[in-house]
PDB file of N, CA and C in Angstrom:
ATOM      1  N   MET A   1     -11.033 -41.425  61.694  1.00  0.00           N
ATOM      2  CA  MET A   1     -12.842 -41.568  61.846  1.00  0.00           C
ATOM      3  C   MET A   1     -13.332 -40.520  61.201  1.00  0.00           C
ATOM      4  N   VAL A   2     -14.388 -41.006  60.209  1.00  0.00           N
ATOM      5  CA  VAL A   2     -15.119 -39.651  59.308  1.00  0.00           C
ATOM      6  C   VAL A   2     -16.493 -39.974  59.357  1.00  0.00           C
ATOM      7  N   ALA A   3     -17.466 -39.285  59.372  1.00  0.00           N
ATOM      8  CA  ALA A   3     -18.627 -39.270  58.866  1.00  0.00           C
ATOM      9  C   ALA A   3     -19.175 -38.052  58.312  1.00  0.00           C
ATOM     10  N   GLY A   4     -20.013 -38.195  56.949  1.00  0.00           N
ATOM     11  CA  GLY A   4     -20.470 -37.173  56.748  1.00  0.00           C
ATOM     12  C   GLY A   4     -21.087 -37.270  55.476  1.00  0.00           C
ATOM     13  N   THR A   5     -21.412 -36.455  54.758  1.00  0.00           N
ATOM     14  CA  THR A   5     -22.666 -36.224  53.874  1.00  0.00           C
ATOM     15  C   THR A   5     -22.154 -34.871  52.679  1.00  0.00           C
ATOM     16  N   HIS A   6     -23.025 -35.692  51.294  1.00  0.00           N
ATOM     17  CA  HIS A   6     -22.795 -34.453  50.277  1.00  0.00           C
ATOM     18  C   HIS A   6     -23.575 -34.770  49.409  1.00  0.00           C
ATOM     19  N   VAL A   7     -24.002 -33.783  48.330  1.00  0.00           N
ATOM     20  CA  VAL A   7     -24.838 -33.666  47.264  1.00  0.00           C
ATOM     21  C   VAL A   7     -23.953 -33.604  46.128  1.00  0.00           C
ATOM     22  N   THR A   8     -24.332 -34.930  45.099  1.00  0.00           N
ATOM     23  CA  THR A   8     -23.618 -34.494  43.875  1.00  0.00           C
ATOM     24  C   THR A   8     -24.296 -34.130  42.806  1.00  0.00           C
ATOM     25  N   VAL A   9     -23.742 -33.542  41.415  1.00  0.00           N
ATOM     26  CA  VAL A   9     -24.501 -33.882  40.511  1.00  0.00           C
ATOM     27  C   VAL A   9     -23.577 -34.241  39.173  1.00  0.00           C
ATOM     28  N   THR A  10     -24.057 -35.108  38.316  1.00  0.00           N
ATOM     29  CA  THR A  10     -23.183 -35.842  37.034  1.00  0.00           C
ATOM     30  C   THR A  10     -22.645 -35.133  36.302  1.00  0.00           C
ATOM     31  N   VAL A  11     -21.377 -34.738  35.905  1.00  0.00           N
ATOM     32  CA  VAL A  11     -20.717 -33.942  35.065  1.00  0.00           C
ATOM     33  C   VAL A  11     -20.881 -34.721  33.581  1.00  0.00           C
ATOM     34  N   LYS A  12     -20.569 -35.598  33.802  1.00  0.00           N
ATOM     35  CA  LYS A  12     -20.521 -36.552  32.414  1.00  0.00           C
ATOM     36  C   LYS A  12     -19.794 -37.776  32.576  1.00  0.00           C
ATOM     37  N   GLY A  13     -21.002 -38.534  32.265  1.00  0.00           N
ATOM     38  CA  GLY A  13     -20.339 -40.055  32.578  1.00  0.00           C
ATOM     39  C   GLY A  13     -20.472 -40.391  33.982  1.00  0.00           C
ATOM     40  N   ARG A  14     -19.665 -41.016  34.399  1.00  0.00           N
ATOM     41  CA  ARG A  14     -19.155 -41.600  35.631  1.00  0.00           C
ATOM     42  C   ARG A  14     -18.606 -40.351  36.438  1.00  0.00           C
ATOM     43  N   ALA A  15     -18.450 -39.200  36.332  1.00  0.00           N
ATOM     44  CA  ALA A  15     -18.016 -38.066  36.709  1.00  0.00           C
ATOM     45  C   ALA A  15     -18.899 -37.271  37.700  1.00  0.00           C
ATOM     46  N   HIS A  16     -18.711 -36.885  39.038  1.00  0.00           N
ATOM     47  CA  HIS A  16     -19.517 -36.073  39.720  1.00  0.00           C
ATOM     48  C   HIS A  16     -18.571 -35.170  40.200  1.00  0.00           C
ATOM     49  N   VAL A  17     -19.204 -33.712  40.691  1.00  0.00           N
ATOM     50  CA  VAL A  17     -18.884 -32.767  41.488  1.00  0.00           C
ATOM     51  C   VAL A  17     -19.798 -32.302  42.490  1.00  0.00           C
ATOM     52  N   PHE A  18     -19.471 -32.166  43.457  1.00  0.00           N
ATOM     53  CA  PHE A  18     -20.212 -31.907  44.756  1.00  0.00           C
ATOM     54  C   PHE A  18     -20.853 -30.111  44.267  1.00  0.00           C
ATOM     55  N   ALA A  19     -22.142 -30.397  44.604  1.00  0.00           N
ATOM     56  CA  ALA A  19     -23.395 -29.262  44.317  1.00  0.00           C
ATOM     57  C   ALA A  19     -23.200 -28.368  45.087  1.00  0.00           C
ATOM     58  N   ALA A  20     -22.661 -28.411  46.607  1.00  0.00           N
ATOM     59  CA  ALA A  20     -22.747 -27.590  47.486  1.00  0.00           C
ATOM     60  C   ALA A  20     -22.072 -27.887  48.556  1.00  0.00           C
ATOM     61  N   PRO A  21     -21.245 -27.034  49.482  1.00  0.00           N
ATOM     62  CA  PRO A  21     -20.216 -27.748  50.210  1.00  0.00           C
ATOM     63  C   PRO A  21     -20.802 -29.128  50.946  1.00  0.00           C
ATOM     64  N   GLY A  22     -19.940 -30.099  51.311  1.00  0.00           N
ATOM     65  CA  GLY A  22     -20.833 -30.790  52.669  1.00  0.00           C
ATOM     66  C   GLY A  22     -20.692 -30.876  53.751  1.00  0.00           C
ATOM     67  N   ALA A  23     -20.906 -31.617  54.614  1.00  0.00           N
ATOM     68  CA  ALA A  23     -20.580 -31.305  56.132  1.00  0.00           C
ATOM     69  C   ALA A  23     -20.053 -32.883  56.756  1.00  0.00           C
ATOM     70  N   MET A  24     -18.933 -32.863  57.465  1.00  0.00           N
ATOM     71  CA  MET A  24     -18.637 -33.854  57.918  1.00  0.00           C
ATOM     72  C   MET A  24     -17.963 -33.725  59.171  1.00  0.00           C
ATOM     73  N   PHE A  25     -17.934 -35.022  60.069  1.00  0.00           N
ATOM     74  CA  PHE A  25     -17.668 -35.039  61.603  1.00  0.00           C
ATOM     75  C   PHE A  25     -16.027 -35.907  61.318  1.00  0.00           C
ATOM     76  N   VAL A  26     -14.914 -35.073  61.737  1.00  0.00           N
ATOM     77  CA  VAL A  26     -13.547 -35.842  61.754  1.00  0.00           C
ATOM     78  C   VAL A  26     -13.114 -35.719  63.177  1.00  0.00           C
ATOM     79  N   ASN A  27     -12.596 -37.025  63.401  1.00  0.00           N
ATOM     80  CA  ASN A  27     -12.180 -37.266  64.965  1.00  0.00           C
ATOM     81  C   ASN A  27     -10.741 -37.101  64.742  1.00  0.00           C
ATOM     82  N   LEU A  28      -9.929 -36.329  65.473  1.00  0.00           N
ATOM     83  CA  LEU A  28      -8.632 -36.001  65.566  1.00  0.00           C
ATOM     84  C   LEU A  28      -7.843 -36.036  66.425  1.00  0.00           C
ATOM     85  N   PRO A  29      -6.481 -36.240  66.272  1.00  0.00           N
ATOM     86  CA  PRO A  29      -5.646 -36.234  67.703  1.00  0.00           C
ATOM     87  C   PRO A  29      -5.724 -34.968  68.213  1.00  0.00           C
ATOM     88  N   THR A  30      -5.286 -34.908  69.618  1.00  0.00           N
ATOM     89  CA  THR A  30      -5.438 -33.679  69.953  1.00  0.00           C
ATOM     90  C   THR A  30      -4.116 -33.477  70.421  1.00  0.00           C
ATOM     91  N   ARG A  31      -3.382 -32.240  71.329  1.00  0.00           N
ATOM     92  CA  ARG A  31      -2.084 -31.889  71.681  1.00  0.00           C
ATOM     93  C   ARG A  31      -1.681 -32.905  73.024  1.00  0.00           C
ATOM     94  N   SER A  32      -2.970 -33.074  73.603  1.00  0.00           N
ATOM     95  CA  SER A  32      -3.213 -34.111  74.945  1.00  0.00           C
ATOM     96  C   SER A  32      -3.044 -35.251  74.780  1.00  0.00           C
ATOM     97  N   GLY A  33      -2.797 -36.023  73.565  1.00  0.00           N
ATOM     98  CA  GLY A  33      -3.022 -37.449  73.428  1.00  0.00           C
ATOM     99  C   GLY A  33      -4.120 -38.183  73.516  1.00  0.00           C
ATOM    100  N   ARG A  34      -5.156 -36.996  73.330  1.00  0.00           N
ATOM    101  CA  ARG A  34      -6.855 -38.032  73.323  1.00  0.00           C
ATOM    102  C   ARG A  34      -7.115 -37.539  71.891  1.00  0.00           C
ATOM    103  N   ARG A  35      -8.537 -37.420  71.715  1.00  0.00           N
ATOM    104  CA  ARG A  35      -9.013 -37.182  70.373  1.00  0.00           C
ATOM    105  C   ARG A  35     -10.150 -36.575  70.500  1.00  0.00           C
ATOM    106  N   ALA A  36     -10.386 -35.427  69.471  1.00  0.00           N
ATOM    107  CA  ALA A  36     -11.736 -34.934  69.660  1.00  0.00           C
ATOM    108  C   ALA A  36     -12.408 -34.779  68.027  1.00  0.00           C
ATOM    109  N   TRP A  37     -13.621 -34.792  68.621  1.00  0.00           N
ATOM    110  CA  TRP A  37     -14.755 -34.876  67.245  1.00  0.00           C
ATOM    111  C   TRP A  37     -14.597 -33.272  66.688  1.00  0.00           C
ATOM    112  N   LYS A  38     -14.397 -32.862  65.231  1.00  0.00           N
ATOM    113  CA  LYS A  38     -14.311 -31.377  64.899  1.00  0.00           C
ATOM    114  C   LYS A  38     -15.436 -31.265  63.542  1.00  0.00           C
ATOM    115  N   LEU A  39     -16.036 -30.224  63.269  1.00  0.00           N
ATOM    116  CA  LEU A  39     -17.286 -30.060  62.615  1.00  0.00           C
ATOM    117  C   LEU A  39     -16.408 -29.599  61.295  1.00  0.00           C
ATOM    118  N   ALA A  40     -16.248 -29.843  60.183  1.00  0.00           N
ATOM    119  CA  ALA A  40     -15.534 -29.382  59.022  1.00  0.00           C
ATOM    120  C   ALA A  40     -16.905 -29.395  57.765  1.00  0.00           C
ATOM    121  N   THR A  41     -16.450 -28.216  56.970  1.00  0.00           N
ATOM    122  CA  THR A  41     -17.176 -28.533  55.481  1.00  0.00           C
ATOM    123  C   THR A  41     -16.236 -28.824  54.418  1.00  0.00           C
ATOM    124  N   ASN A  42     -16.654 -29.691  53.382  1.00  0.00           N
ATOM    125  CA  ASN A  42     -15.938 -30.367  52.387  1.00  0.00           C
ATOM    126  C   ASN A  42     -16.464 -29.959  51.004  1.00  0.00           C
ATOM    127  N   TYR A  43     -15.481 -29.727  49.992  1.00  0.00           N
ATOM    128  CA  TYR A  43     -15.683 -29.695  48.359  1.00  0.00           C
ATOM    129  C   TYR A  43     -14.748 -30.595  47.727  1.00  0.00           C
ATOM    130  N   GLY A  44     -15.680 -31.476  46.780  1.00  0.00           N
ATOM    131  CA  GLY A  44     -14.811 -32.018  45.994  1.00  0.00           C
ATOM    132  C   GLY A  44     -15.710 -32.959  45.085  1.00  0.00           C
ATOM    133  N   VAL A  45     -14.796 -33.623  44.482  1.00  0.00           N
ATOM    134  CA  VAL A  45     -15.384 -34.746  42.905  1.00  0.00           C
ATOM    135  C   VAL A  45     -15.441 -36.012  43.443  1.00  0.00           C
ATOM    136  N   GLY A  46     -16.121 -37.230  42.619  1.00  0.00           N
ATOM    137  CA  GLY A  46     -16.641 -38.267  42.455  1.00  0.00           C
ATOM    138  C   GLY A  46     -16.437 -38.876  41.536  1.00  0.00           C
ATOM    139  N   PHE A  47     -16.619 -40.229  41.534  1.00  0.00           N
ATOM    140  CA  PHE A  47     -16.030 -41.251  40.349  1.00  0.00           C
ATOM    141  C   PHE A  47     -17.069 -42.260  40.804  1.00  0.00           C
ATOM    142  N   ARG A  48     -18.316 -42.596  39.970  1.00  0.00           N
ATOM    143  CA  ARG A  48     -18.917 -43.627  40.327  1.00  0.00           C
ATOM    144  C   ARG A  48     -18.393 -45.156  39.752  1.00  0.00           C
ATOM    145  N   LEU A  49     -18.166 -45.852  40.581  1.00  0.00           N
ATOM    146  CA  LEU A  49     -17.571 -47.441  39.899  1.00  0.00           C
ATOM    147  C   LEU A  49     -18.051 -48.294  39.842  1.00  0.00           C
ATOM    148  N   PHE A  50     -19.387 -48.846  40.298  1.00  0.00           N
ATOM    149  CA  PHE A  50     -19.957 -49.885  39.839  1.00  0.00           C
ATOM    150  C   PHE A  50     -21.236 -49.868  40.685  1.00  0.00           C
ATOM    151  N   ASP A  51     -22.592 -50.422  39.989  1.00  0.00           N
ATOM    152  CA  ASP A  51     -23.827 -50.659  40.516  1.00  0.00           C
ATOM    153  C   ASP A  51     -23.437 -52.228  41.243  1.00  0.00           C
ATOM    154  N   PHE A  52     -24.800 -52.290  42.276  1.00  0.00           N
ATOM    155  CA  PHE A  52     -24.490 -53.965  42.973  1.00  0.00           C
ATOM    156  C   PHE A  52     -26.011 -53.709  43.661  1.00  0.00           C
ATOM    157  N   VAL A  53     -26.187 -54.782  44.174  1.00  0.00           N
ATOM    158  CA  VAL A  53     -27.675 -54.926  45.190  1.00  0.00           C
ATOM    159  C   VAL A  53     -26.999 -54.989  46.358  1.00  0.00           C
ATOM    160  N   PHE A  54     -27.397 -54.068  47.380  1.00  0.00           N
ATOM    161  CA  PHE A  54     -27.075 -54.161  48.602  1.00  0.00           C
ATOM    162  C   PHE A  54     -27.959 -55.241  49.499  1.00  0.00           C
ATOM    163  N   PRO A  55     -27.991 -55.596  50.493  1.00  0.00           N
ATOM    164  CA  PRO A  55     -28.572 -56.938  50.998  1.00  0.00           C
ATOM    165  C   PRO A  55     -29.628 -56.530  51.284  1.00  0.00           C
ATOM    166  N   GLY A  56     -30.515 -57.543  50.987  1.00  0.00           N
ATOM    167  CA  GLY A  56     -32.104 -57.021  51.062  1.00  0.00           C
ATOM    168  C   GLY A  56     -32.741 -56.281  49.841  1.00  0.00           C
ATOM    169  N   GLY A  57     -32.202 -56.491  48.921  1.00  0.00           N
ATOM    170  CA  GLY A  57     -32.519 -56.425  47.066  1.00  0.00           C
ATOM    171  C   GLY A  57     -32.503 -54.929  46.891  1.00  0.00           C
ATOM    172  N   HIS A  58     -31.732 -54.032  47.623  1.00  0.00           N
ATOM    173  CA  HIS A  58     -31.724 -52.624  47.249  1.00  0.00           C
ATOM    174  C   HIS A  58     -30.652 -52.261  46.608  1.00  0.00           C
ATOM    175  N   PRO A  59     -31.129 -51.873  44.971  1.00  0.00           N
ATOM    176  CA  PRO A  59     -29.931 -51.491  44.291  1.00  0.00           C
ATOM    177  C   PRO A  59     -29.282 -50.228  44.921  1.00  0.00           C
ATOM    178  N   ALA A  60     -28.216 -49.841  44.375  1.00  0.00           N
ATOM    179  CA  ALA A  60     -27.126 -48.991  45.106  1.00  0.00           C
ATOM    180  C   ALA A  60     -25.815 -49.055  43.982  1.00  0.00           C
ATOM    181  N   GLU A  61     -25.174 -47.950  44.175  1.00  0.00           N
ATOM    182  CA  GLU A  61     -23.837 -47.458  43.289  1.00  0.00           C
ATOM    183  C   GLU A  61     -22.919 -47.215  44.570  1.00  0.00           C
ATOM    184  N   ALA A  62     -21.732 -47.858  44.108  1.00  0.00           N
ATOM    185  CA  ALA A  62     -20.113 -47.480  44.624  1.00  0.00           C
ATOM    186  C   ALA A  62     -19.680 -46.447  44.290  1.00  0.00           C
ATOM    187  N   HIS A  63     -19.090 -45.591  45.090  1.00  0.00           N
ATOM    188  CA  HIS A  63     -18.356 -44.337  44.625  1.00  0.00           C
ATOM    189  C   HIS A  63     -17.024 -44.284  44.812  1.00  0.00           C
ATOM    190  N   VAL A  64     -15.982 -43.623  44.253  1.00  0.00           N
ATOM    191  CA  VAL A  64     -14.809 -43.174  45.263  1.00  0.00           C
ATOM    192  C   VAL A  64     -14.586 -41.627  44.995  1.00  0.00           C
ATOM    193  N   ASN A  65     -14.431 -41.071  46.127  1.00  0.00           N
ATOM    194  CA  ASN A  65     -14.614 -39.550  46.553  1.00  0.00           C
ATOM    195  C   ASN A  65     -13.450 -38.748  46.922  1.00  0.00           C
ATOM    196  N   MET A  66     -13.173 -37.643  46.314  1.00  0.00           N
ATOM    197  CA  MET A  66     -11.794 -36.970  46.540  1.00  0.00           C
ATOM    198  C   MET A  66     -12.241 -35.639  47.324  1.00  0.00           C
ATOM    199  N   ALA A  67     -12.200 -35.115  48.205  1.00  0.00           N
ATOM    200  CA  ALA A  67     -12.434 -34.102  49.003  1.00  0.00           C
ATOM    201  C   ALA A  67     -11.419 -33.226  49.648  1.00  0.00           C
ATOM    202  N   LYS A  68     -11.647 -32.053  49.618  1.00  0.00           N
ATOM    203  CA  LYS A  68     -10.699 -31.047  50.540  1.00  0.00           C
ATOM    204  C   LYS A  68     -11.713 -30.493  51.586  1.00  0.00           C
ATOM    205  N   ALA A  69     -11.242 -30.698  53.079  1.00  0.00           N
ATOM    206  CA  ALA A  69     -12.023 -30.213  53.767  1.00  0.00           C
ATOM    207  C   ALA A  69     -11.362 -29.137  54.889  1.00  0.00           C
ATOM    208  N   TRP A  70     -12.446 -28.117  55.258  1.00  0.00           N
ATOM    209  CA  TRP A  70     -11.767 -26.868  56.029  1.00  0.00           C
ATOM    210  C   TRP A  70     -12.552 -27.052  57.547  1.00  0.00           C
ATOM    211  N   LEU A  71     -11.906 -27.452  58.757  1.00  0.00           N
ATOM    212  CA  LEU A  71     -12.301 -27.341  59.831  1.00  0.00           C
ATOM    213  C   LEU A  71     -12.925 -25.591  60.356  1.00  0.00           C
ATOM    214  N   LEU A  72     -14.407 -26.033  60.567  1.00  0.00           N
ATOM    215  CA  LEU A  72     -15.241 -24.829  61.440  1.00  0.00           C
ATOM    216  C   LEU A  72     -15.154 -24.605  62.817  1.00  0.00           C
ATOM    217  N   SER A  73     -14.591 -25.550  63.278  1.00  0.00           N
ATOM    218  CA  SER A  73     -14.070 -25.118  64.745  1.00  0.00           C
ATOM    219  C   SER A  73     -12.836 -24.830  65.341  1.00  0.00           C
ATOM    220  N   ASP A  74     -12.369 -24.259  66.153  1.00  0.00           N
ATOM    221  CA  ASP A  74     -10.742 -24.161  66.637  1.00  0.00           C
ATOM    222  C   ASP A  74     -10.103 -25.330  66.549  1.00  0.00           C
ATOM    223  N   THR A  75      -9.198 -25.065  66.151  1.00  0.00           N
ATOM    224  CA  THR A  75      -8.040 -25.957  65.741  1.00  0.00           C
ATOM    225  C   THR A  75      -6.760 -26.155  66.640  1.00  0.00           C
ATOM    226  N   ALA A  76      -7.068 -25.084  68.022  1.00  0.00           N
ATOM    227  CA  ALA A  76      -5.737 -24.986  68.742  1.00  0.00           C
ATOM    228  C   ALA A  76      -5.321 -26.220  69.383  1.00  0.00           C
ATOM    229  N   ASP A  77      -6.365 -27.133  69.896  1.00  0.00           N
ATOM    230  CA  ASP A  77      -6.137 -28.236  70.553  1.00  0.00           C
ATOM    231  C   ASP A  77      -6.007 -29.592  69.570  1.00  0.00           C
ATOM    232  N   VAL A  78      -5.756 -29.551  68.351  1.00  0.00           N
ATOM    233  CA  VAL A  78      -5.310 -30.546  67.605  1.00  0.00           C
ATOM    234  C   VAL A  78      -4.283 -30.767  66.472  1.00  0.00           C
ATOM    235  N   LEU A  79      -3.834 -31.484  66.392  1.00  0.00           N
ATOM    236  CA  LEU A  79      -2.617 -31.797  65.848  1.00  0.00           C
ATOM    237  C   LEU A  79      -2.553 -31.367  64.042  1.00  0.00           C
ATOM    238  N   THR A  80      -3.814 -31.209  63.546  1.00  0.00           N
ATOM    239  CA  THR A  80      -3.860 -30.925  62.178  1.00  0.00           C
ATOM    240  C   THR A  80      -3.706 -29.630  61.685  1.00  0.00           C
ATOM    241  N   GLY A  81      -3.773 -29.074  60.793  1.00  0.00           N
ATOM    242  CA  GLY A  81      -3.872 -27.745  60.249  1.00  0.00           C
ATOM    243  C   GLY A  81      -5.740 -27.297  60.375  1.00  0.00           C
ATOM    244  N   ARG A  82      -5.455 -26.319  59.376  1.00  0.00           N
ATOM    245  CA  ARG A  82      -7.377 -25.799  59.307  1.00  0.00           C
ATOM    246  C   ARG A  82      -7.782 -26.623  57.960  1.00  0.00           C
ATOM    247  N   THR A  83      -7.069 -27.225  57.301  1.00  0.00           N
ATOM    248  CA  THR A  83      -7.440 -27.950  56.099  1.00  0.00           C
ATOM    249  C   THR A  83      -6.767 -29.289  56.028  1.00  0.00           C
ATOM    250  N   MET A  84      -7.944 -30.187  55.351  1.00  0.00           N
ATOM    251  CA  MET A  84      -7.028 -31.823  55.213  1.00  0.00           C
ATOM    252  C   MET A  84      -7.855 -32.019  53.944  1.00  0.00           C
ATOM    253  N   ASP A  85      -6.856 -33.483  53.146  1.00  0.00           N
ATOM    254  CA  ASP A  85      -7.606 -34.026  51.868  1.00  0.00           C
ATOM    255  C   ASP A  85      -7.936 -35.199  52.505  1.00  0.00           C
ATOM    256  N   PHE A  86      -9.210 -35.633  51.658  1.00  0.00           N
ATOM    257  CA  PHE A  86      -9.404 -37.010  51.938  1.00  0.00           C
ATOM    258  C   PHE A  86      -9.847 -38.024  50.559  1.00  0.00           C
ATOM    259  N   VAL A  87      -9.759 -39.053  50.695  1.00  0.00           N
ATOM    260  CA  VAL A  87     -10.209 -40.022  49.761  1.00  0.00           C
ATOM    261  C   VAL A  87     -10.776 -40.982  50.419  1.00  0.00           C
ATOM    262  N   GLY A  88     -12.203 -41.595  49.745  1.00  0.00           N
ATOM    263  CA  GLY A  88     -13.150 -42.285  50.735  1.00  0.00           C
ATOM    264  C   GLY A  88     -14.018 -43.220  49.511  1.00  0.00           C
ATOM    265  N   PHE A  89     -14.427 -43.768  50.279  1.00  0.00           N
ATOM    266  CA  PHE A  89     -15.721 -44.858  49.475  1.00  0.00           C
ATOM    267  C   PHE A  89     -17.114 -44.062  49.763  1.00  0.00           C
ATOM    268  N   SER A  90     -17.851 -44.244  49.113  1.00  0.00           N
ATOM    269  CA  SER A  90     -19.268 -43.895  49.379  1.00  0.00           C
ATOM    270  C   SER A  90     -20.245 -45.037  48.571  1.00  0.00           C
ATOM    271  N   VAL A  91     -21.685 -45.076  49.256  1.00  0.00           N
ATOM    272  CA  VAL A  91     -22.901 -45.867  48.536  1.00  0.00           C
ATOM    273  C   VAL A  91     -23.896 -44.946  48.482  1.00  0.00           C
ATOM    274  N   THR A  92     -24.399 -44.754  47.368  1.00  0.00           N
ATOM    275  CA  THR A  92     -25.688 -44.336  47.013  1.00  0.00           C
ATOM    276  C   THR A  92     -27.011 -45.354  46.282  1.00  0.00           C
ATOM    277  N   PHE A  93     -27.957 -44.939  47.367  1.00  0.00           N
ATOM    278  CA  PHE A  93     -28.942 -46.273  47.239  1.00  0.00           C
ATOM    279  C   PHE A  93     -29.837 -45.696  45.955  1.00  0.00           C
ATOM    280  N   LYS A  94     -30.135 -46.454  45.117  1.00  0.00           N
ATOM    281  CA  LYS A  94     -31.114 -46.047  44.092  1.00  0.00           C
ATOM    282  C   LYS A  94     -32.504 -46.304  44.172  1.00  0.00           C
ATOM    283  N   LYS A  95     -33.852 -45.613  43.624  1.00  0.00           N
ATOM    284  CA  LYS A  95     -34.817 -45.391  44.025  1.00  0.00           C
ATOM    285  C   LYS A  95     -35.292 -46.851  43.153  1.00  0.00           C
ATOM    286  N   VAL A  96     -36.026 -47.320  43.901  1.00  0.00           N
ATOM    287  CA  VAL A  96     -36.913 -48.929  43.554  1.00  0.00           C
ATOM    288  C   VAL A  96     -38.187 -48.494  42.707  1.00  0.00           C
ATOM    289  N   ARG A  97     -37.696 -49.022  41.487  1.00  0.00           N
ATOM    290  CA  ARG A  97     -39.275 -48.615  40.672  1.00  0.00           C
ATOM    291  C   ARG A  97     -40.032 -49.515  40.673  1.00  0.00           C
TER     292      ARG A  97
END
């Protein structure tokens, strides 16, 4: 489970790069068999896939993103290392003119 945010700038055409490190929360398995929320920072690239209209008539864009994340909190209790790689989808809402 992941929730996060980032800001990108267009490099060329559909390609984007994170303008600054993003922030995300990741839900990771712990050594005790439970799960724990951890704060991470991430950096990566994105690719705009297509434009569409969100329900309610809001124009939007769909993206696929690839990011490298670094955990900022203690990792002694989780089953992962300090870094993780992610691929995911995001939606950007366009300004209505």
